Every structure is written in structure tokens, then in C-alpha cells.
PDB file of N, CA and C in Angstrom:
ATOM      1  N   ARG A   1     271.207  52.819  49.731  1.00  0.00           N
ATOM      2  CA  ARG A   1     269.786  53.059  49.636  1.00  0.00           C
ATOM      3  C   ARG A   1     269.025  52.129  50.577  1.00  0.00           C
ATOM      4  N   ASP A   2     269.475  50.872  50.695  1.00  0.00           N
ATOM      5  CA  ASP A   2     268.789  49.927  51.585  1.00  0.00           C
ATOM      6  C   ASP A   2     268.856  50.379  53.042  1.00  0.00           C
ATOM      7  N   VAL A   3     270.029  50.836  53.473  1.00  0.00           N
ATOM      8  CA  VAL A   3     270.175  51.314  54.848  1.00  0.00           C
ATOM      9  C   VAL A   3     269.330  52.570  55.059  1.00  0.00           C
ATOM     10  N   HIS A   4     269.323  53.448  54.079  1.00  0.00           N
ATOM     11  CA  HIS A   4     268.518  54.661  54.153  1.00  0.00           C
ATOM     12  C   HIS A   4     267.039  54.307  54.346  1.00  0.00           C
ATOM     13  N   ASN A   5     266.547  53.355  53.574  1.00  0.00           N
ATOM     14  CA  ASN A   5     265.143  52.939  53.675  1.00  0.00           C
ATOM     15  C   ASN A   5     264.855  52.262  55.010  1.00  0.00           C
ATOM     16  N   LEU A   6     265.780  51.406  55.456  1.00  0.00           N
ATOM     17  CA  LEU A   6     265.601  50.724  56.730  1.00  0.00           C
ATOM     18  C   LEU A   6     265.619  51.728  57.880  1.00  0.00           C
ATOM     19  N   ALA A   7     266.501  52.721  57.814  1.00  0.00           N
ATOM     20  CA  ALA A   7     266.547  53.765  58.846  1.00  0.00           C
ATOM     21  C   ALA A   7     265.231  54.537  58.893  1.00  0.00           C
ATOM     22  N   GLY A   8     264.655  54.797  57.739  1.00  0.00           N
ATOM     23  CA  GLY A   8     263.360  55.476  57.697  1.00  0.00           C
ATOM     24  C   GLY A   8     262.275  54.667  58.375  1.00  0.00           C
ATOM     25  N   ARG A   9     262.284  53.348  58.140  1.00  0.00           N
ATOM     26  CA  ARG A   9     261.287  52.484  58.784  1.00  0.00           C
ATOM     27  C   ARG A   9     261.511  52.425  60.298  1.00  0.00           C
ATOM     28  N   CYS A  10     262.775  52.377  60.713  1.00  0.00           N
ATOM     29  CA  CYS A  10     263.081  52.357  62.150  1.00  0.00           C
ATOM     30  C   CYS A  10     262.654  53.652  62.816  1.00  0.00           C
ATOM     31  N   GLY A  11     262.932  54.775  62.185  1.00  0.00           N
ATOM     32  CA  GLY A  11     262.517  56.067  62.737  1.00  0.00           C
ATOM     33  C   GLY A  11     261.014  56.159  62.864  1.00  0.00           C
ATOM     34  N   ALA A  12     260.313  55.684  61.847  1.00  0.00           N
ATOM     35  CA  ALA A  12     258.849  55.695  61.891  1.00  0.00           C
ATOM     36  C   ALA A  12     258.336  54.787  63.002  1.00  0.00           C
ATOM     37  N   ALA A  13     258.974  53.631  63.195  1.00  0.00           N
ATOM     38  CA  ALA A  13     258.549  52.708  64.250  1.00  0.00           C
ATOM     39  C   ALA A  13     258.757  53.315  65.632  1.00  0.00           C
ATOM     40  N   VAL A  14     259.871  54.027  65.804  1.00  0.00           N
ATOM     41  CA  VAL A  14     260.142  54.685  67.086  1.00  0.00           C
ATOM     42  C   VAL A  14     259.067  55.730  67.366  1.00  0.00           C
ATOM     43  N   MET A  15     258.688  56.483  66.364  1.00  0.00           N
ATOM     44  CA  MET A  15     257.638  57.491  66.553  1.00  0.00           C
ATOM     45  C   MET A  15     256.282  56.832  66.795  1.00  0.00           C
ATOM     46  N   GLU A  16     256.022  55.698  66.147  1.00  0.00           N
ATOM     47  CA  GLU A  16     254.770  54.982  66.372  1.00  0.00           C
ATOM     48  C   GLU A  16     254.685  54.439  67.794  1.00  0.00           C
ATOM     49  N   MET A  17     255.855  54.187  68.421  1.00  0.00           N
ATOM     50  CA  MET A  17     255.876  53.750  69.821  1.00  0.00           C
ATOM     51  C   MET A  17     255.468  54.893  70.744  1.00  0.00           C
ATOM     52  N   GLY A  18     255.469  56.114  70.215  1.00  0.00           N
ATOM     53  CA  GLY A  18     255.086  57.268  71.007  1.00  0.00           C
ATOM     54  C   GLY A  18     256.228  58.202  71.351  1.00  0.00           C
ATOM     55  N   ALA A  19     257.427  57.895  70.874  1.00  0.00           N
ATOM     56  CA  ALA A  19     258.577  58.765  71.154  1.00  0.00           C
ATOM     57  C   ALA A  19     258.431  60.077  70.388  1.00  0.00           C
ATOM     58  N   VAL A  20     258.842  61.144  71.041  1.00  0.00           N
ATOM     59  CA  VAL A  20     258.835  62.465  70.417  1.00  0.00           C
ATOM     60  C   VAL A  20     260.251  63.031  70.507  1.00  0.00           C
ATOM     61  N   PRO A  21     260.565  64.023  69.670  1.00  0.00           N
ATOM     62  CA  PRO A  21     261.911  64.593  69.710  1.00  0.00           C
ATOM     63  C   PRO A  21     262.328  64.973  71.136  1.00  0.00           C
ATOM     64  N   GLY A  22     263.546  64.570  71.475  1.00  0.00           N
ATOM     65  CA  GLY A  22     264.081  64.823  72.811  1.00  0.00           C
ATOM     66  C   GLY A  22     263.972  63.635  73.748  1.00  0.00           C
ATOM     67  N   ASP A  23     263.089  62.680  73.432  1.00  0.00           N
ATOM     68  CA  ASP A  23     262.973  61.474  74.253  1.00  0.00           C
ATOM     69  C   ASP A  23     264.226  60.620  74.112  1.00  0.00           C
ATOM     70  N   ARG A  24     264.412  59.729  75.073  1.00  0.00           N
ATOM     71  CA  ARG A  24     265.511  58.766  75.026  1.00  0.00           C
ATOM     72  C   ARG A  24     264.958  57.400  74.677  1.00  0.00           C
ATOM     73  N   VAL A  25     265.654  56.689  73.794  1.00  0.00           N
ATOM     74  CA  VAL A  25     265.301  55.320  73.444  1.00  0.00           C
ATOM     75  C   VAL A  25     266.499  54.447  73.794  1.00  0.00           C
ATOM     76  N   VAL A  26     266.304  53.552  74.755  1.00  0.00           N
ATOM     77  CA  VAL A  26     267.359  52.627  75.166  1.00  0.00           C
ATOM     78  C   VAL A  26     267.257  51.388  74.279  1.00  0.00           C
ATOM     79  N   ALA A  27     268.401  50.945  73.773  1.00  0.00           N
ATOM     80  CA  ALA A  27     268.412  49.773  72.898  1.00  0.00           C
ATOM     81  C   ALA A  27     269.497  48.799  73.339  1.00  0.00           C
ATOM     82  N   GLN A  28     269.106  47.560  73.525  1.00  0.00           N
ATOM     83  CA  GLN A  28     270.053  46.493  73.808  1.00  0.00           C
ATOM     84  C   GLN A  28     269.897  45.476  72.684  1.00  0.00           C
ATOM     85  N   VAL A  29     270.652  45.709  71.626  1.00  0.00           N
ATOM     86  CA  VAL A  29     270.559  44.883  70.421  1.00  0.00           C
ATOM     87  C   VAL A  29     271.960  44.487  69.973  1.00  0.00           C
ATOM     88  N   ASP A  30     272.028  43.386  69.238  1.00  0.00           N
ATOM     89  CA  ASP A  30     273.308  42.925  68.702  1.00  0.00           C
ATOM     90  C   ASP A  30     273.850  43.908  67.676  1.00  0.00           C
ATOM     91  N   LYS A  31     275.166  43.922  67.536  1.00  0.00           N
ATOM     92  CA  LYS A  31     275.804  44.747  66.510  1.00  0.00           C
ATOM     93  C   LYS A  31     275.420  44.183  65.146  1.00  0.00           C
ATOM     94  N   SER A  32     274.817  45.053  64.329  1.00  0.00           N
ATOM     95  CA  SER A  32     274.364  44.620  63.010  1.00  0.00           C
ATOM     96  C   SER A  32     274.004  45.852  62.194  1.00  0.00           C
ATOM     97  N   ILE A  33     273.716  45.633  60.947  1.00  0.00           N
ATOM     98  CA  ILE A  33     273.255  46.718  60.091  1.00  0.00           C
ATOM     99  C   ILE A  33     271.915  47.250  60.603  1.00  0.00           C
ATOM    100  N   HIS A  34     271.124  46.377  61.220  1.00  0.00           N
ATOM    101  CA  HIS A  34     269.842  46.808  61.777  1.00  0.00           C
ATOM    102  C   HIS A  34     270.044  47.742  62.966  1.00  0.00           C
ATOM    103  N   ALA A  35     271.066  47.493  63.769  1.00  0.00           N
ATOM    104  CA  ALA A  35     271.371  48.385  64.887  1.00  0.00           C
ATOM    105  C   ALA A  35     271.788  49.760  64.375  1.00  0.00           C
ATOM    106  N   ILE A  36     272.571  49.782  63.303  1.00  0.00           N
ATOM    107  CA  ILE A  36     272.976  51.058  62.701  1.00  0.00           C
ATOM    108  C   ILE A  36     271.755  51.788  62.148  1.00  0.00           C
ATOM    109  N   ALA A  37     270.870  51.039  61.498  1.00  0.00           N
ATOM    110  CA  ALA A  37     269.654  51.648  60.957  1.00  0.00           C
ATOM    111  C   ALA A  37     268.772  52.185  62.083  1.00  0.00           C
ATOM    112  N   LEU A  38     268.725  51.481  63.208  1.00  0.00           N
ATOM    113  CA  LEU A  38     267.956  51.962  64.355  1.00  0.00           C
ATOM    114  C   LEU A  38     268.547  53.264  64.870  1.00  0.00           C
ATOM    115  N   TRP A  39     269.865  53.323  64.992  1.00  0.00           N
ATOM    116  CA  TRP A  39     270.533  54.550  65.436  1.00  0.00           C
ATOM    117  C   TRP A  39     270.229  55.704  64.484  1.00  0.00           C
ATOM    118  N   LEU A  40     270.350  55.450  63.178  1.00  0.00           N
ATOM    119  CA  LEU A  40     270.052  56.491  62.192  1.00  0.00           C
ATOM    120  C   LEU A  40     268.579  56.896  62.235  1.00  0.00           C
ATOM    121  N   GLY A  41     267.700  55.918  62.433  1.00  0.00           N
ATOM    122  CA  GLY A  41     266.277  56.214  62.536  1.00  0.00           C
ATOM    123  C   GLY A  41     265.964  57.089  63.738  1.00  0.00           C
ATOM    124  N   CYS A  42     266.651  56.827  64.853  1.00  0.00           N
ATOM    125  CA  CYS A  42     266.475  57.671  66.040  1.00  0.00           C
ATOM    126  C   CYS A  42     266.945  59.088  65.756  1.00  0.00           C
ATOM    127  N   LEU A  43     268.079  59.215  65.056  1.00  0.00           N
ATOM    128  CA  LEU A  43     268.553  60.549  64.680  1.00  0.00           C
ATOM    129  C   LEU A  43     267.504  61.279  63.851  1.00  0.00           C
ATOM    130  N   ARG A  44     266.943  60.571  62.887  1.00  0.00           N
ATOM    131  CA  ARG A  44     265.907  61.179  62.033  1.00  0.00           C
ATOM    132  C   ARG A  44     264.700  61.619  62.838  1.00  0.00           C
ATOM    133  N   ALA A  45     264.329  60.812  63.832  1.00  0.00           N
ATOM    134  CA  ALA A  45     263.148  61.108  64.640  1.00  0.00           C
ATOM    135  C   ALA A  45     263.435  62.168  65.707  1.00  0.00           C
ATOM    136  N   GLY A  46     264.713  62.515  65.885  1.00  0.00           N
ATOM    137  CA  GLY A  46     265.072  63.520  66.874  1.00  0.00           C
ATOM    138  C   GLY A  46     265.139  62.984  68.291  1.00  0.00           C
ATOM    139  N   VAL A  47     265.226  61.666  68.426  1.00  0.00           N
ATOM    140  CA  VAL A  47     265.309  61.072  69.758  1.00  0.00           C
ATOM    141  C   VAL A  47     266.742  60.640  70.040  1.00  0.00           C
ATOM    142  N   MET A  48     267.074  60.575  71.329  1.00  0.00           N
ATOM    143  CA  MET A  48     268.419  60.168  71.727  1.00  0.00           C
ATOM    144  C   MET A  48     268.496  58.651  71.795  1.00  0.00           C
ATOM    145  N   PHE A  49     269.477  58.096  71.132  1.00  0.00           N
ATOM    146  CA  PHE A  49     269.720  56.662  71.096  1.00  0.00           C
ATOM    147  C   PHE A  49     270.694  56.326  72.212  1.00  0.00           C
ATOM    148  N   VAL A  50     270.275  55.464  73.143  1.00  0.00           N
ATOM    149  CA  VAL A  50     271.113  55.059  74.269  1.00  0.00           C
ATOM    150  C   VAL A  50     271.413  53.564  74.112  1.00  0.00           C
ATOM    151  N   PRO A  51     272.588  53.224  73.550  1.00  0.00           N
ATOM    152  CA  PRO A  51     272.904  51.809  73.337  1.00  0.00           C
ATOM    153  C   PRO A  51     273.408  51.151  74.616  1.00  0.00           C
ATOM    154  N   LEU A  52     272.993  49.918  74.847  1.00  0.00           N
ATOM    155  CA  LEU A  52     273.464  49.147  75.989  1.00  0.00           C
ATOM    156  C   LEU A  52     274.226  47.914  75.511  1.00  0.00           C
ATOM    157  N   ASN A  53     275.219  47.560  76.260  1.00  0.00           N
ATOM    158  CA  ASN A  53     275.991  46.353  75.993  1.00  0.00           C
ATOM    159  C   ASN A  53     275.069  45.146  76.094  1.00  0.00           C
ATOM    160  N   THR A  54     275.197  44.222  75.178  1.00  0.00           N
ATOM    161  CA  THR A  54     274.336  43.031  75.188  1.00  0.00           C
ATOM    162  C   THR A  54     274.695  42.075  76.317  1.00  0.00           C
ATOM    163  N   ALA A  55     275.821  42.293  76.971  1.00  0.00           N
ATOM    164  CA  ALA A  55     276.226  41.434  78.086  1.00  0.00           C
ATOM    165  C   ALA A  55     275.647  41.894  79.420  1.00  0.00           C
ATOM    166  N   TYR A  56     274.981  43.050  79.451  1.00  0.00           N
ATOM    167  CA  TYR A  56     274.410  43.531  80.703  1.00  0.00           C
ATOM    168  C   TYR A  56     273.327  42.583  81.200  1.00  0.00           C
ATOM    169  N   THR A  57     273.264  42.432  82.507  1.00  0.00           N
ATOM    170  CA  THR A  57     272.231  41.606  83.126  1.00  0.00           C
ATOM    171  C   THR A  57     270.912  42.366  83.154  1.00  0.00           C
ATOM    172  N   ASN A  58     269.842  41.657  83.475  1.00  0.00           N
ATOM    173  CA  ASN A  58     268.533  42.308  83.582  1.00  0.00           C
ATOM    174  C   ASN A  58     268.549  43.417  84.626  1.00  0.00           C
ATOM    175  N   ALA A  59     269.228  43.195  85.747  1.00  0.00           N
ATOM    176  CA  ALA A  59     269.301  44.216  86.788  1.00  0.00           C
ATOM    177  C   ALA A  59     270.028  45.454  86.278  1.00  0.00           C
ATOM    178  N   GLU A  60     271.088  45.258  85.508  1.00  0.00           N
ATOM    179  CA  GLU A  60     271.823  46.395  84.957  1.00  0.00           C
ATOM    180  C   GLU A  60     270.988  47.156  83.932  1.00  0.00           C
ATOM    181  N   VAL A  61     270.270  46.429  83.085  1.00  0.00           N
ATOM    182  CA  VAL A  61     269.398  47.072  82.099  1.00  0.00           C
ATOM    183  C   VAL A  61     268.318  47.869  82.817  1.00  0.00           C
ATOM    184  N   ASP A  62     267.721  47.289  83.835  1.00  0.00           N
ATOM    185  CA  ASP A  62     266.693  47.978  84.606  1.00  0.00           C
ATOM    186  C   ASP A  62     267.249  49.277  85.183  1.00  0.00           C
ATOM    187  N   GLN A  63     268.471  49.237  85.690  1.00  0.00           N
ATOM    188  CA  GLN A  63     269.093  50.423  86.264  1.00  0.00           C
ATOM    189  C   GLN A  63     269.325  51.495  85.197  1.00  0.00           C
ATOM    190  N   PHE A  64     269.827  51.094  84.018  1.00  0.00           N
ATOM    191  CA  PHE A  64     270.049  52.056  82.943  1.00  0.00           C
ATOM    192  C   PHE A  64     268.738  52.698  82.491  1.00  0.00           C
ATOM    193  N   VAL A  65     267.691  51.902  82.363  1.00  0.00           N
ATOM    194  CA  VAL A  65     266.393  52.435  81.945  1.00  0.00           C
ATOM    195  C   VAL A  65     265.890  53.427  82.986  1.00  0.00           C
ATOM    196  N   SER A  66     266.021  53.073  84.250  1.00  0.00           N
ATOM    197  CA  SER A  66     265.593  53.969  85.323  1.00  0.00           C
ATOM    198  C   SER A  66     266.408  55.262  85.317  1.00  0.00           C
ATOM    199  N   ASP A  67     267.725  55.135  85.208  1.00  0.00           N
ATOM    200  CA  ASP A  67     268.595  56.311  85.217  1.00  0.00           C
ATOM    201  C   ASP A  67     268.351  57.231  84.021  1.00  0.00           C
ATOM    202  N   SER A  68     268.043  56.642  82.867  1.00  0.00           N
ATOM    203  CA  SER A  68     267.852  57.448  81.659  1.00  0.00           C
ATOM    204  C   SER A  68     266.473  58.080  81.605  1.00  0.00           C
ATOM    205  N   ARG A  69     265.596  57.662  82.500  1.00  0.00           N
ATOM    206  CA  ARG A  69     264.226  58.184  82.546  1.00  0.00           C
ATOM    207  C   ARG A  69     263.538  58.077  81.191  1.00  0.00           C
ATOM    208  N   THR A  70     263.620  56.890  80.638  1.00  0.00           N
ATOM    209  CA  THR A  70     262.970  56.637  79.356  1.00  0.00           C
ATOM    210  C   THR A  70     261.757  55.749  79.545  1.00  0.00           C
ATOM    211  N   GLN A  71     260.892  55.786  78.585  1.00  0.00           N
ATOM    212  CA  GLN A  71     259.753  54.870  78.544  1.00  0.00           C
ATOM    213  C   GLN A  71     259.929  53.878  77.398  1.00  0.00           C
ATOM    214  N   PHE A  72     261.084  53.931  76.726  1.00  0.00           N
ATOM    215  CA  PHE A  72     261.263  53.156  75.509  1.00  0.00           C
ATOM    216  C   PHE A  72     262.506  52.282  75.603  1.00  0.00           C
ATOM    217  N   LEU A  73     262.303  50.983  75.508  1.00  0.00           N
ATOM    218  CA  LEU A  73     263.390  50.016  75.465  1.00  0.00           C
ATOM    219  C   LEU A  73     263.185  49.119  74.259  1.00  0.00           C
ATOM    220  N   ILE A  74     264.210  49.017  73.452  1.00  0.00           N
ATOM    221  CA  ILE A  74     264.171  48.117  72.304  1.00  0.00           C
ATOM    222  C   ILE A  74     265.178  47.013  72.569  1.00  0.00           C
ATOM    223  N   THR A  75     264.709  45.790  72.569  1.00  0.00           N
ATOM    224  CA  THR A  75     265.566  44.632  72.799  1.00  0.00           C
ATOM    225  C   THR A  75     264.919  43.422  72.135  1.00  0.00           C
ATOM    226  N   THR A  76     265.530  42.278  72.297  1.00  0.00           N
ATOM    227  CA  THR A  76     264.947  41.057  71.739  1.00  0.00           C
ATOM    228  C   THR A  76     264.040  40.415  72.783  1.00  0.00           C
ATOM    229  N   PRO A  77     263.100  39.586  72.351  1.00  0.00           N
ATOM    230  CA  PRO A  77     262.232  38.914  73.332  1.00  0.00           C
ATOM    231  C   PRO A  77     263.036  38.092  74.341  1.00  0.00           C
ATOM    232  N   GLU A  78     264.106  37.449  73.880  1.00  0.00           N
ATOM    233  CA  GLU A  78     264.928  36.630  74.778  1.00  0.00           C
ATOM    234  C   GLU A  78     265.569  37.490  75.866  1.00  0.00           C
ATOM    235  N   ARG A  79     266.101  38.635  75.490  1.00  0.00           N
ATOM    236  CA  ARG A  79     266.745  39.520  76.471  1.00  0.00           C
ATOM    237  C   ARG A  79     265.719  40.207  77.355  1.00  0.00           C
ATOM    238  N   GLY A  80     264.527  40.416  76.860  1.00  0.00           N
ATOM    239  CA  GLY A  80     263.509  41.130  77.616  1.00  0.00           C
ATOM    240  C   GLY A  80     262.854  40.312  78.712  1.00  0.00           C
ATOM    241  N   ARG A  81     262.997  38.996  78.646  1.00  0.00           N
ATOM    242  CA  ARG A  81     262.382  38.152  79.681  1.00  0.00           C
ATOM    243  C   ARG A  81     263.001  38.460  81.040  1.00  0.00           C
ATOM    244  N   GLY A  82     262.163  38.659  82.011  1.00  0.00           N
ATOM    245  CA  GLY A  82     262.638  38.872  83.364  1.00  0.00           C
ATOM    246  C   GLY A  82     262.939  40.306  83.736  1.00  0.00           C
ATOM    247  N   LEU A  83     262.812  41.234  82.781  1.00  0.00           N
ATOM    248  CA  LEU A  83     263.053  42.629  83.108  1.00  0.00           C
ATOM    249  C   LEU A  83     261.886  43.182  83.920  1.00  0.00           C
ATOM    250  N   THR A  84     262.196  44.016  84.896  1.00  0.00           N
ATOM    251  CA  THR A  84     261.145  44.619  85.711  1.00  0.00           C
ATOM    252  C   THR A  84     260.862  46.061  85.302  1.00  0.00           C
ATOM    253  N   LEU A  85     261.861  46.777  84.877  1.00  0.00           N
ATOM    254  CA  LEU A  85     261.768  48.126  84.307  1.00  0.00           C
ATOM    255  C   LEU A  85     260.873  49.081  85.082  1.00  0.00           C
ATOM    256  N   HIS A  86     261.493  49.722  86.035  1.00  0.00           N
ATOM    257  CA  HIS A  86     260.824  50.782  86.799  1.00  0.00           C
ATOM    258  C   HIS A  86     261.337  52.113  86.270  1.00  0.00           C
ATOM    259  N   THR A  87     260.436  53.009  85.927  1.00  0.00           N
ATOM    260  CA  THR A  87     260.846  54.294  85.353  1.00  0.00           C
ATOM    261  C   THR A  87     260.533  55.484  86.260  1.00  0.00           C
ATOM    262  N   ASP A  88     260.329  55.234  87.553  1.00  0.00           N
ATOM    263  CA  ASP A  88     260.016  56.364  88.428  1.00  0.00           C
ATOM    264  C   ASP A  88     261.234  56.926  89.089  1.00  0.00           C
TER     265      ASP A  88
END
């Protein structure tokens, strides 16, 4: 029940970010129950969850975001520092 509720909150947060069904959400997060809830929340919201390895460099993350043509990246503040993120 806790995971179900957390997944619902994650799905709602993804939609509040502006994602709509069919959009891609790139996530670079540690393996955890929260990551699973985020994946389930994306499924509920109808968006594609694109997980990235936490060992990827900022340049690699930027490339994945560009290639996936997404406007949505979920990561930690520490990992997000220095990202340039071009989506064109």
C-alpha cells in the first residue's frame, strides 16, 4: 500500500511538471524504492520512463536528454549541477 501511494504521488508530480501521456521522462536516480515508485508513477501517468545510469557524466546525460527529445529530467541537485541540457 505504501508503494502504491508513493507511486500515485510520483505520477501526480510528473503530470504537475507538465508531462502528458506519450512524453518521455529521463531519470538519473539511485536504485531505491523511490525509483521504483517513480517508474510506477510514470506508468500510471502514461509517460515513458527513461532510466539513466548514475555513473554517467554530465556530458553523457546531456546527450541522452537531447537524443530522447524530452523536456523532463529528474535527478538530484548534486547530479544536476553543471548540466547544460539542450533539447533541440
